């Protein structure tokens, strides 16, 4: 009898153990768990491809509408403000319901009738902000004017919820509404619904990010939030996070052999080995207040950097330019006046162009990498910055406020033929020319957020690409960043990828912990 009782107890413990495993939530990418919300048969699924950093969801479900929902949800608990963004794509299936939907969502609970707000893309190309403001109440929506959107973003700041949607390549269109009903402690994530209880749909989510923005009392250049180094594949518009740090990382350059990135962190310069995912401190001698203006010579042998002088010293703590070997060493000063910010080498290695503010005017200058005579290339009273040679050495691209807001311009190496290049609704900064000389990539700040002569940290920004021959700009990345995102040349040597930095106040690990660093 005792033996039978022991056997039954052991069996019961095994059953309890496996039930607990079955009900436990296993992290999937940046998310903590996944659930079928409401009646979903067969069970929905969510998988994560760590190589591409994409999520694949399957789900049936009658709808996300009226007073109860049925869909599959991949989620993470979060409090306070957030920005949730993803590129979305249905896997086409014959006979699919035109009202199937997928998107990004914030939800008070995992109950079928929970309060929620989402940004949903439908099979019939409609995009809408949907919301339920009381449990088991009806659903309402604000329909976007953008048709066929496949980039979806939902932002919460305080009690304001903003839907931002775009077709890949176009800027966002936005719609907002205000509510206090959703609650502070919520589930945020990505979802899929078949709009048919007897059908199963499949979808892929790329560039999925949960961003926690800077706090309202943030102090620029005193307070910093976390950083992601990302690499964007220009052929697919998919970006991968390769490294994370809980403070500020800025301005990744690609070395000429394509094996490493160079970036600044905590006033020092580091190289990042892309094969081993290993950062290494670069020796810059006693020059240890390095900023985000650093650039590698076209032959890959030398490095020009910008570093703030000693506080109370002859440069009064302002930035000046130096040159040193790419392998590190003792930097040689090349600029005479502070502040000076280095931006580009000429292809023949005989000149370096930089921005300097003198007599309250910010202009572009040229100097030898050995120092000496400095030649002023721009004299307009507007703010000029971000200068870079084309690979053939025929032009220098730069950004200037002389049109009224910051735009991209270009000129000959001697400063002649200064011509406006972009004519956009944004403040465009830091043009970088592709290795084949066919495109420029630059960062665009919203005029509603940023003054023309500023490029601050932690804003909504776009990375845009435009043919050198002219034409319509194309948004290649939607992100939260700004200062330090692409201040320096960011193309891979083959021109197929861009390295950049995005920011968030709370890092959600996308890959094993050894690829992260905490201060």
Protein backbone atom coordinates (compact mmCIF):
# COMPACT_ATOMS: atom_id res chain seq x y z
CA UNK A 1 0.00 0.00 0.00
CA UNK A 2 2.81 2.39 0.96
CA UNK A 3 4.65 1.49 -2.25
CA UNK A 4 1.53 2.26 -4.32
CA UNK A 5 1.02 5.54 -2.49
CA UNK A 6 4.64 6.56 -3.11
CA UNK A 7 4.26 5.69 -6.77
CA UNK A 8 1.10 7.78 -7.07
CA UNK A 9 2.74 10.75 -5.33
CA UNK A 10 5.76 10.53 -7.62
CA UNK A 11 3.49 10.37 -10.65
CA UNK A 12 1.54 13.38 -9.42
CA UNK A 13 4.76 15.38 -8.98
CA UNK A 14 5.84 14.49 -12.53
CA UNK A 15 2.47 15.62 -13.91
CA UNK A 16 2.67 18.89 -11.96
CA UNK A 17 6.25 19.45 -13.17
CA UNK A 18 5.41 18.99 -16.85
CA UNK A 19 2.23 21.08 -16.52
CA UNK A 20 4.31 23.89 -15.09
CA UNK A 21 6.78 23.61 -17.99
CA UNK A 22 3.93 23.64 -20.49
CA UNK A 23 2.37 26.74 -18.92
CA UNK A 24 5.64 28.61 -18.37
CA UNK A 25 6.43 31.49 -20.69
CA UNK A 26 9.65 31.03 -22.64
CA UNK A 27 11.32 34.25 -23.86
CA UNK A 28 11.14 34.74 -27.62
CA UNK A 29 13.59 37.37 -28.87
CA UNK A 30 12.91 40.58 -26.96
CA UNK A 31 9.54 39.29 -25.73
CA UNK A 32 8.73 37.53 -22.46
CA UNK A 33 5.81 35.38 -23.48
CA UNK A 34 3.14 34.50 -26.02
CA UNK A 35 -0.55 33.70 -25.70
CA UNK A 36 -3.67 32.96 -27.65
CA UNK A 37 -6.05 35.69 -26.57
CA UNK A 38 -9.64 34.49 -26.78
CA UNK A 39 -10.74 31.44 -28.77
CA UNK A 40 -7.93 30.44 -31.17
CA UNK A 41 -7.90 26.91 -32.64
CA UNK A 42 -5.50 25.44 -33.54
CA UNK A 43 -3.14 27.17 -31.14
CA UNK A 44 -1.19 30.07 -32.56
CA UNK A 45 2.60 30.10 -32.64
CA UNK A 46 5.45 32.60 -32.54
CA UNK A 47 9.06 31.79 -33.40
CA UNK A 48 12.22 33.90 -33.49
CA UNK A 49 15.08 33.63 -35.99
CA UNK A 50 18.16 34.87 -34.13
CA UNK A 51 20.18 35.12 -37.36
CA UNK A 52 17.78 37.50 -39.10
CA UNK A 53 16.14 38.83 -35.89
CA UNK A 54 12.73 38.23 -37.46
CA UNK A 55 9.56 36.87 -35.84
CA UNK A 56 7.10 34.52 -37.56
CA UNK A 57 3.56 34.24 -36.18
CA UNK A 58 0.70 31.90 -37.10
CA UNK A 59 -2.86 32.35 -35.90
CA UNK A 60 -6.51 31.76 -36.61
CA UNK A 61 -9.04 33.84 -34.64
CA UNK A 62 -12.37 35.41 -35.57
CA UNK A 63 -11.42 39.07 -35.09
CA UNK A 64 -10.00 41.85 -32.93
CA UNK A 65 -13.13 43.93 -32.72
CA UNK A 66 -16.45 44.49 -30.94
CA UNK A 67 -16.27 43.44 -27.26
CA UNK A 68 -14.00 40.37 -27.45
CA UNK A 69 -10.91 39.37 -29.41
CA UNK A 70 -9.34 36.17 -30.78
CA UNK A 71 -5.71 36.31 -31.97
CA UNK A 72 -2.13 35.30 -31.17
CA UNK A 73 -0.02 37.75 -29.17
CA UNK A 74 3.74 37.89 -28.54
CA UNK A 75 4.23 40.25 -25.60
CA UNK A 76 6.37 41.89 -22.95
CA UNK A 77 5.28 43.62 -19.74
CA UNK A 78 6.29 47.28 -19.50
CA UNK A 79 5.46 50.41 -17.55
CA UNK A 80 5.35 54.03 -18.65
CA UNK A 81 6.23 55.51 -22.02
CA UNK A 82 7.29 53.38 -24.98
CA UNK A 83 7.69 53.27 -28.75
CA UNK A 84 6.79 49.94 -30.39
CA UNK A 85 7.73 49.55 -34.06
CA UNK A 86 7.85 46.78 -36.69
CA UNK A 87 7.96 46.09 -40.42
CA UNK A 88 5.14 43.64 -41.17
CA UNK A 89 4.32 41.24 -43.96
CA UNK A 90 1.54 38.69 -44.47
CA UNK A 91 2.58 35.40 -46.06
CA UNK A 92 0.13 35.30 -48.95
CA UNK A 93 -2.43 32.51 -48.96
CA UNK A 94 -5.17 31.85 -51.50
CA UNK A 95 -8.58 32.54 -50.00
CA UNK A 96 -7.30 34.70 -47.14
CA UNK A 97 -9.86 37.04 -45.60
CA UNK A 98 -9.35 40.64 -46.77
CA UNK A 99 -9.87 41.78 -43.16
CA UNK A 100 -7.11 39.65 -41.63
CA UNK A 101 -4.93 41.89 -39.54
CA UNK A 102 -1.53 42.12 -37.95
CA UNK A 103 0.31 44.81 -36.06
CA UNK A 104 1.57 46.22 -32.78
CA UNK A 105 -0.48 46.44 -29.61
CA UNK A 106 -0.62 47.59 -25.99
CA UNK A 107 -3.07 45.69 -23.78
CA UNK A 108 -4.21 45.96 -20.16
CA UNK A 109 -4.54 42.17 -19.79
CA UNK A 110 -4.56 38.94 -21.76
CA UNK A 111 -8.33 38.56 -21.39
CA UNK A 112 -10.38 38.46 -24.60
CA UNK A 113 -12.32 41.60 -23.66
CA UNK A 114 -9.38 43.60 -22.31
CA UNK A 115 -8.84 47.30 -22.85
CA UNK A 116 -6.28 47.87 -25.60
CA UNK A 117 -4.83 50.16 -28.26
CA UNK A 118 -3.27 48.81 -31.45
CA UNK A 119 -1.98 49.83 -34.84
CA UNK A 120 -3.32 47.26 -37.27
CA UNK A 121 -2.62 46.64 -40.96
CA UNK A 122 -5.43 44.80 -42.75
CA UNK A 123 -5.27 42.44 -45.68
CA UNK A 124 -7.18 44.99 -47.76
CA UNK A 125 -4.34 47.55 -47.21
CA UNK A 126 -6.23 49.62 -44.62
CA UNK A 127 -4.24 50.73 -41.56
CA UNK A 128 -6.00 51.88 -38.41
CA UNK A 129 -5.54 52.74 -34.76
CA UNK A 130 -8.04 50.53 -32.91
CA UNK A 131 -8.94 50.85 -29.24
CA UNK A 132 -11.25 49.57 -26.49
CA UNK A 133 -11.41 51.82 -23.44
CA UNK A 134 -13.38 49.58 -21.06
CA UNK A 135 -13.29 45.83 -20.52
CA UNK A 136 -15.81 43.99 -22.71
CA UNK A 137 -16.85 47.26 -24.34
CA UNK A 138 -17.08 47.97 -28.07
CA UNK A 139 -14.05 48.74 -30.25
CA UNK A 140 -13.48 52.03 -32.06
CA UNK A 141 -10.90 53.05 -34.64
CA UNK A 142 -9.14 55.92 -36.38
CA UNK A 143 -8.36 54.98 -39.97
CA UNK A 144 -5.06 56.16 -41.44
CA UNK A 145 -4.95 58.01 -44.75
CA UNK A 146 -2.00 55.80 -45.76
CA UNK A 147 -2.92 52.73 -47.80
CA UNK A 148 -0.74 49.62 -47.89
CA UNK A 149 1.36 50.56 -44.85
CA UNK A 150 3.96 47.95 -43.88
CA UNK A 151 5.90 49.96 -41.27
CA UNK A 152 3.83 50.33 -38.10
CA UNK A 153 4.61 52.26 -34.93
CA UNK A 154 2.63 52.78 -31.72
CA UNK A 155 3.94 55.33 -29.22
CA UNK A 156 2.71 56.20 -25.74
CA UNK A 157 3.82 59.44 -24.07
CA UNK A 158 1.89 59.98 -20.88
CA UNK A 159 -1.76 59.56 -21.88
CA UNK A 160 -1.22 60.31 -25.58
CA UNK A 161 -1.15 57.39 -28.05
CA UNK A 162 0.24 57.99 -31.54
CA UNK A 163 -0.15 55.80 -34.61
CA UNK A 164 2.62 56.28 -37.16
CA UNK A 165 2.45 54.25 -40.39
CA UNK A 166 4.24 54.25 -43.73
CA UNK A 167 4.92 52.27 -46.83
CA UNK A 168 8.60 51.32 -46.60
CA UNK A 169 10.52 54.21 -48.16
CA UNK A 170 8.02 56.95 -47.26
CA UNK A 171 7.90 59.14 -44.13
CA UNK A 172 5.33 58.36 -41.45
CA UNK A 173 1.82 59.76 -41.33
CA UNK A 174 0.52 60.23 -37.79
CA UNK A 175 -2.76 60.11 -35.86
CA UNK A 176 -3.21 60.52 -32.11
CA UNK A 177 -5.76 60.24 -29.34
CA UNK A 178 -5.67 60.62 -25.57
CA UNK A 179 -6.90 58.26 -22.86
CA UNK A 180 -6.14 57.37 -19.25
CA UNK A 181 -7.99 54.05 -19.35
CA UNK A 182 -5.33 51.58 -20.50
CA UNK A 183 -3.23 51.70 -17.31
CA UNK A 184 0.49 52.09 -16.68
CA UNK A 185 1.54 48.42 -16.28
CA UNK A 186 0.72 46.85 -19.63
CA UNK A 187 1.49 44.16 -22.19
CA UNK A 188 3.10 45.42 -25.41
CA UNK A 189 3.85 43.29 -28.44
CA UNK A 190 3.06 42.09 -31.94
CA UNK A 191 -0.05 40.21 -33.05
CA UNK A 192 -1.75 38.30 -35.86
CA UNK A 193 -5.44 37.55 -36.44
CA UNK A 194 -6.90 35.56 -39.37
CA UNK A 195 -10.37 37.17 -39.17
CA UNK A 196 -11.61 33.62 -39.70
CA UNK A 197 -11.93 31.13 -36.84
CA UNK A 198 -11.38 28.21 -39.23
CA UNK A 199 -8.36 29.55 -41.13
CA UNK A 200 -4.71 29.94 -40.14
CA UNK A 201 -2.66 32.90 -41.33
CA UNK A 202 1.10 33.43 -41.22
CA UNK A 203 3.11 36.66 -41.01
CA UNK A 204 6.69 37.86 -40.61
CA UNK A 205 7.76 40.82 -38.45
CA UNK A 206 11.14 42.51 -39.05
CA UNK A 207 12.97 45.43 -37.43
CA UNK A 208 10.96 44.89 -34.26
CA UNK A 209 11.92 47.37 -31.55
CA UNK A 210 10.58 48.29 -28.13
CA UNK A 211 12.05 51.68 -27.28
CA UNK A 212 11.85 53.38 -23.89
CA UNK A 213 12.46 57.09 -24.64
CA UNK A 214 14.41 59.51 -22.47
CA UNK A 215 12.65 60.89 -19.40
CA UNK A 216 11.05 64.37 -19.43
CA UNK A 217 13.69 65.74 -17.03
CA UNK A 218 16.56 64.50 -19.24
CA UNK A 219 19.59 66.84 -19.32
CA UNK A 220 21.47 66.79 -22.69
CA UNK A 221 25.16 65.85 -22.54
CA UNK A 222 24.77 65.06 -18.83
CA UNK A 223 22.23 62.23 -18.94
CA UNK A 224 22.51 59.37 -21.42
CA UNK A 225 20.34 56.39 -22.25
CA UNK A 226 21.26 53.03 -23.78
CA UNK A 227 22.60 52.39 -27.27
CA UNK A 228 22.22 49.73 -29.95
CA UNK A 229 24.75 49.38 -32.75
CA UNK A 230 22.75 48.24 -35.76
CA UNK A 231 23.70 47.10 -39.25
CA UNK A 232 21.18 47.76 -42.02
CA UNK A 233 21.17 45.60 -45.15
CA UNK A 234 20.27 48.03 -47.93
CA UNK A 235 18.97 45.26 -50.21
CA UNK A 236 16.33 44.06 -47.73
CA UNK A 237 15.85 47.09 -45.44
CA UNK A 238 16.33 44.71 -42.53
CA UNK A 239 18.43 45.88 -39.63
CA UNK A 240 20.17 43.75 -36.99
CA UNK A 241 21.30 44.84 -33.55
CA UNK A 242 24.85 43.56 -33.06
CA UNK A 243 25.90 45.22 -29.81
CA UNK A 244 24.24 46.92 -26.84
CA UNK A 245 25.49 49.23 -24.11
CA UNK A 246 23.49 50.83 -21.31
CA UNK A 247 25.08 54.28 -21.84
CA UNK A 248 26.12 56.21 -24.95
CA UNK A 249 27.83 54.70 -28.00
CA UNK A 250 28.18 56.97 -31.04
CA UNK A 251 29.15 57.17 -34.70
CA UNK A 252 30.27 53.76 -36.02
CA UNK A 253 32.77 53.89 -38.92
CA UNK A 254 33.47 50.80 -41.01
CA UNK A 255 37.17 49.97 -41.42
CA UNK A 256 38.34 49.73 -45.05
CA UNK A 257 38.84 45.96 -44.83
CA UNK A 258 35.24 45.52 -43.67
CA UNK A 259 36.28 43.55 -40.59
CA UNK A 260 35.67 46.07 -37.82
CA UNK A 261 33.65 49.05 -36.71
CA UNK A 262 35.19 52.08 -35.00
CA UNK A 263 33.08 54.03 -32.50
CA UNK A 264 33.38 56.32 -29.49
CA UNK A 265 32.19 55.45 -25.99
CA UNK A 266 32.81 57.21 -22.68
CA UNK A 267 35.30 59.66 -24.31
CA UNK A 268 37.41 56.82 -25.75
CA UNK A 269 37.59 55.09 -29.13
CA UNK A 270 36.96 51.38 -29.63
CA UNK A 271 37.10 48.92 -32.49
CA UNK A 272 34.49 46.18 -32.72
CA UNK A 273 35.51 42.91 -34.40
CA UNK A 274 32.50 41.78 -36.46
CA UNK A 275 33.69 38.16 -36.60
CA UNK A 276 34.23 37.69 -32.87
CA UNK A 277 31.79 40.34 -31.56
CA UNK A 278 34.61 41.75 -29.44
CA UNK A 279 35.24 45.43 -28.60
CA UNK A 280 38.83 46.59 -28.10
CA UNK A 281 40.07 49.92 -26.75
CA UNK A 282 42.08 51.91 -29.31
CA UNK A 283 45.20 53.65 -28.01
CA UNK A 284 44.93 57.42 -28.49
CA UNK A 285 47.72 58.35 -26.08
CA UNK A 286 46.86 61.25 -23.81
CA UNK A 287 44.00 62.37 -26.06
CA UNK A 288 41.13 60.92 -24.05
CA UNK A 289 38.12 63.18 -24.49
CA UNK A 290 37.24 61.91 -27.95
CA UNK A 291 33.90 62.79 -29.52
CA UNK A 292 31.84 61.41 -32.40
CA UNK A 293 33.70 63.08 -35.29
CA UNK A 294 36.29 60.52 -36.37
CA UNK A 295 37.07 59.34 -39.90
CA UNK A 296 39.33 56.77 -41.59
CA UNK A 297 41.52 57.64 -44.59
CA UNK A 298 40.61 56.13 -47.96
CA UNK A 299 43.71 53.90 -47.89
CA UNK A 300 42.68 52.65 -44.43
CA UNK A 301 46.04 53.47 -42.83
CA UNK A 302 45.28 56.64 -40.86
CA UNK A 303 42.61 57.96 -38.57
CA UNK A 304 41.58 61.58 -38.03
CA UNK A 305 39.78 62.25 -34.75
CA UNK A 306 38.20 65.11 -32.81
CA UNK A 307 38.79 65.46 -29.10
CA UNK A 308 37.87 68.02 -26.47
CA UNK A 309 40.79 69.81 -24.87
CA UNK A 310 41.50 69.83 -21.18
CA UNK A 311 39.07 71.87 -19.12
CA UNK A 312 40.78 75.11 -18.20
CA UNK A 313 43.47 74.52 -20.84
CA UNK A 314 44.37 76.72 -23.83
CA UNK A 315 41.42 75.36 -25.88
CA UNK A 316 39.03 75.89 -22.96
CA UNK A 317 37.73 72.31 -23.21
CA UNK A 318 36.67 72.67 -26.87
CA UNK A 319 37.19 70.15 -29.69
CA UNK A 320 40.30 70.07 -31.90
CA UNK A 321 41.51 67.70 -34.65
CA UNK A 322 44.26 65.06 -34.59
CA UNK A 323 45.72 62.38 -36.88
CA UNK A 324 47.12 59.01 -35.78
CA UNK A 325 47.73 55.53 -37.27
CA UNK A 326 44.63 53.36 -37.70
CA UNK A 327 46.21 50.85 -35.30
CA UNK A 328 46.45 53.51 -32.60
CA UNK A 329 49.32 55.60 -31.30
CA UNK A 330 50.23 59.15 -30.34
CA UNK A 331 47.89 61.64 -32.06
CA UNK A 332 49.31 64.70 -33.86
CA UNK A 333 47.28 67.89 -33.64
CA UNK A 334 46.32 69.32 -37.05
CA UNK A 335 43.84 72.18 -36.38
CA UNK A 336 44.80 75.50 -34.88
CA UNK A 337 41.53 76.80 -33.50
CA UNK A 338 38.89 75.28 -31.23
CA UNK A 339 36.23 74.20 -31.73
CA UNK A 340 37.08 72.06 -34.76
CA UNK A 341 35.27 68.86 -35.75
CA UNK A 342 36.87 66.49 -38.28
CA UNK A 343 34.61 65.01 -40.98
CA UNK A 344 36.39 63.65 -44.06
CA UNK A 345 39.65 62.78 -45.81
CA UNK A 346 40.17 63.53 -49.48
CA UNK A 347 40.58 60.32 -51.55
CA UNK A 348 44.26 61.11 -52.24
CA UNK A 349 44.92 61.52 -48.51
CA UNK A 350 46.33 65.04 -48.95
CA UNK A 351 43.48 67.00 -47.32
CA UNK A 352 41.09 66.78 -44.39
CA UNK A 353 37.89 68.83 -44.20
CA UNK A 354 36.36 69.90 -40.93
CA UNK A 355 33.83 72.28 -39.41
CA UNK A 356 35.02 75.09 -37.16
CA UNK A 357 33.18 77.91 -35.43
CA UNK A 358 35.14 81.15 -35.57
CA UNK A 359 33.87 84.68 -34.93
CA UNK A 360 30.43 83.18 -34.23
CA UNK A 361 30.23 81.63 -37.70
CA UNK A 362 30.33 77.87 -38.37
CA UNK A 363 32.05 77.04 -41.66
CA UNK A 364 33.88 74.33 -43.58
CA UNK A 365 37.71 74.37 -43.66
CA UNK A 366 40.41 72.27 -45.33
CA UNK A 367 43.83 71.38 -43.88
CA UNK A 368 46.71 69.00 -44.60
CA UNK A 369 46.89 65.85 -42.42
CA UNK A 370 50.26 67.25 -41.35
CA UNK A 371 48.60 70.46 -40.12
CA UNK A 372 49.63 73.92 -41.26
CA UNK A 373 47.70 76.36 -43.45
CA UNK A 374 43.90 76.11 -43.12
CA UNK A 375 41.70 77.12 -46.08
CA UNK A 376 38.19 78.40 -45.45
CA UNK A 377 35.76 76.90 -48.01
CA UNK A 378 32.42 78.43 -46.93
CA UNK A 379 31.77 82.00 -45.81
CA UNK A 380 27.98 82.21 -45.69
CA UNK A 381 26.66 83.44 -42.32
CA UNK A 382 24.47 80.32 -42.13
CA UNK A 383 25.49 77.26 -40.11
CA UNK A 384 27.57 74.82 -42.24
CA UNK A 385 28.65 71.37 -41.03
CA UNK A 386 28.92 67.67 -41.91
CA UNK A 387 31.35 67.88 -44.84
CA UNK A 388 32.41 64.78 -46.83
CA UNK A 389 34.37 64.16 -50.05
CA UNK A 390 32.96 62.00 -52.83
CA UNK A 391 35.12 58.91 -53.62
CA UNK A 392 36.29 60.51 -56.89
CA UNK A 393 37.32 63.69 -55.06
CA UNK A 394 35.26 65.95 -57.34
CA UNK A 395 32.78 67.24 -54.75
CA UNK A 396 32.32 67.88 -51.04
CA UNK A 397 28.81 67.33 -49.66
CA UNK A 398 27.80 69.21 -46.52
CA UNK A 399 24.73 70.43 -44.62
CA UNK A 400 23.74 74.10 -44.27
CA UNK A 401 20.93 76.26 -42.89
CA UNK A 402 21.27 78.89 -45.62
CA UNK A 403 17.89 77.92 -47.15
CA UNK A 404 16.07 78.54 -43.85
CA UNK A 405 16.36 75.04 -42.42
CA UNK A 406 19.11 72.42 -42.53
CA UNK A 407 19.53 70.90 -46.00
CA UNK A 408 22.22 69.00 -47.91
CA UNK A 409 24.47 71.04 -50.22
CA UNK A 410 27.55 70.30 -52.29
CA UNK A 411 30.55 72.21 -53.63
CA UNK A 412 33.81 71.72 -55.47
CA UNK A 413 36.89 70.98 -53.31
CA UNK A 414 38.02 74.59 -53.68
CA UNK A 415 34.68 75.86 -52.27
CA UNK A 416 33.21 76.93 -55.61
CA UNK A 417 29.78 76.02 -57.07
CA UNK A 418 27.96 75.73 -53.74
CA UNK A 419 24.59 74.22 -54.68
CA UNK A 420 21.60 73.04 -52.64
CA UNK A 421 21.00 69.29 -53.07
CA UNK A 422 17.99 68.37 -50.91
CA UNK A 423 14.77 70.38 -50.77
CA UNK A 424 12.91 68.52 -48.05
CA UNK A 425 10.45 69.17 -45.24
CA UNK A 426 13.04 67.93 -42.70
CA UNK A 427 16.29 69.15 -41.18
CA UNK A 428 18.84 67.01 -43.05
CA UNK A 429 22.30 66.38 -41.57
CA UNK A 430 25.55 64.48 -42.17
CA UNK A 431 25.57 63.33 -45.82
CA UNK A 432 27.61 60.18 -46.44
CA UNK A 433 28.52 59.12 -49.98
CA UNK A 434 28.38 55.46 -51.01
CA UNK A 435 31.70 53.82 -52.03
CA UNK A 436 30.57 53.69 -55.68
CA UNK A 437 29.65 57.38 -55.60
CA UNK A 438 26.05 56.75 -56.67
CA UNK A 439 24.08 57.57 -53.49
CA UNK A 440 24.17 59.65 -50.36
CA UNK A 441 22.70 58.61 -47.02
CA UNK A 442 21.85 61.22 -44.40
CA UNK A 443 19.85 61.64 -41.20
CA UNK A 444 16.63 63.67 -41.13
CA UNK A 445 15.21 65.36 -38.03
CA UNK A 446 11.59 66.52 -37.82
CA UNK A 447 11.21 70.30 -38.01
CA UNK A 448 8.48 70.05 -35.37
CA UNK A 449 11.00 68.60 -32.89
CA UNK A 450 14.37 70.19 -33.73
CA UNK A 451 15.70 73.64 -34.61
CA UNK A 452 17.59 73.88 -37.93
CA UNK A 453 21.04 74.30 -36.37
CA UNK A 454 20.64 71.49 -33.80
CA UNK A 455 21.11 67.73 -34.02
CA UNK A 456 20.22 66.55 -30.50
CA UNK A 457 20.15 63.12 -28.92
CA UNK A 458 16.99 61.05 -28.63
CA UNK A 459 14.54 62.14 -31.28
CA UNK A 460 12.40 60.52 -33.96
CA UNK A 461 14.65 60.46 -37.02
CA UNK A 462 14.87 58.88 -40.45
CA UNK A 463 17.86 57.62 -42.37
CA UNK A 464 17.29 58.57 -46.00
CA UNK A 465 19.01 57.58 -49.23
CA UNK A 466 19.06 59.66 -52.40
CA UNK A 467 20.75 59.19 -55.77
CA UNK A 468 23.70 61.49 -56.46
CA UNK A 469 22.04 62.19 -59.80
CA UNK A 470 18.98 63.54 -57.94
CA UNK A 471 15.50 62.17 -57.43
CA UNK A 472 13.12 61.27 -54.63
CA UNK A 473 14.68 60.48 -51.24
CA UNK A 474 13.89 57.05 -49.79
CA UNK A 475 13.53 56.36 -46.07
CA UNK A 476 15.73 53.35 -45.34
CA UNK A 477 15.39 53.31 -41.53
CA UNK A 478 12.89 54.58 -38.98
CA UNK A 479 14.41 54.97 -35.54
CA UNK A 480 14.84 56.77 -32.22
CA UNK A 481 18.27 58.38 -32.22
CA UNK A 482 19.91 61.59 -33.47
CA UNK A 483 23.25 62.82 -32.19
CA UNK A 484 25.74 59.98 -32.68
CA UNK A 485 23.53 57.94 -35.02
CA UNK A 486 25.54 58.50 -38.24
CA UNK A 487 27.82 61.49 -37.62
CA UNK A 488 30.63 59.73 -39.51
CA UNK A 489 30.90 57.76 -42.80
CA UNK A 490 28.77 54.67 -42.19
CA UNK A 491 28.84 52.58 -45.39
CA UNK A 492 30.43 49.15 -45.48
CA UNK A 493 33.31 49.01 -48.01
CA UNK A 494 31.11 47.20 -50.54
CA UNK A 495 28.33 49.76 -50.11
CA UNK A 496 25.75 47.10 -49.25
CA UNK A 497 25.25 47.96 -45.58
CA UNK A 498 25.05 50.91 -43.20
CA UNK A 499 26.14 50.91 -39.55
CA UNK A 500 24.31 53.25 -37.17
CA UNK A 501 23.29 53.74 -33.53
CA UNK A 502 19.75 53.75 -32.15
CA UNK A 503 18.78 54.50 -28.56
CA UNK A 504 16.51 53.31 -25.76
CA UNK A 505 16.43 53.88 -22.00
CA UNK A 506 15.86 50.18 -21.34
CA UNK A 507 17.73 47.54 -23.35
CA UNK A 508 15.87 44.38 -24.28
CA UNK A 509 18.49 41.73 -25.12
CA UNK A 510 18.13 40.49 -28.68
CA UNK A 511 21.05 38.06 -28.54
CA UNK A 512 23.16 36.28 -25.90
CA UNK A 513 24.31 38.37 -22.96
CA UNK A 514 27.98 38.35 -24.02
CA UNK A 515 27.08 40.80 -26.82
CA UNK A 516 25.97 43.38 -24.26
CA UNK A 517 27.97 45.57 -21.96
CA UNK A 518 27.05 47.46 -18.84
CA UNK A 519 29.04 50.27 -17.37
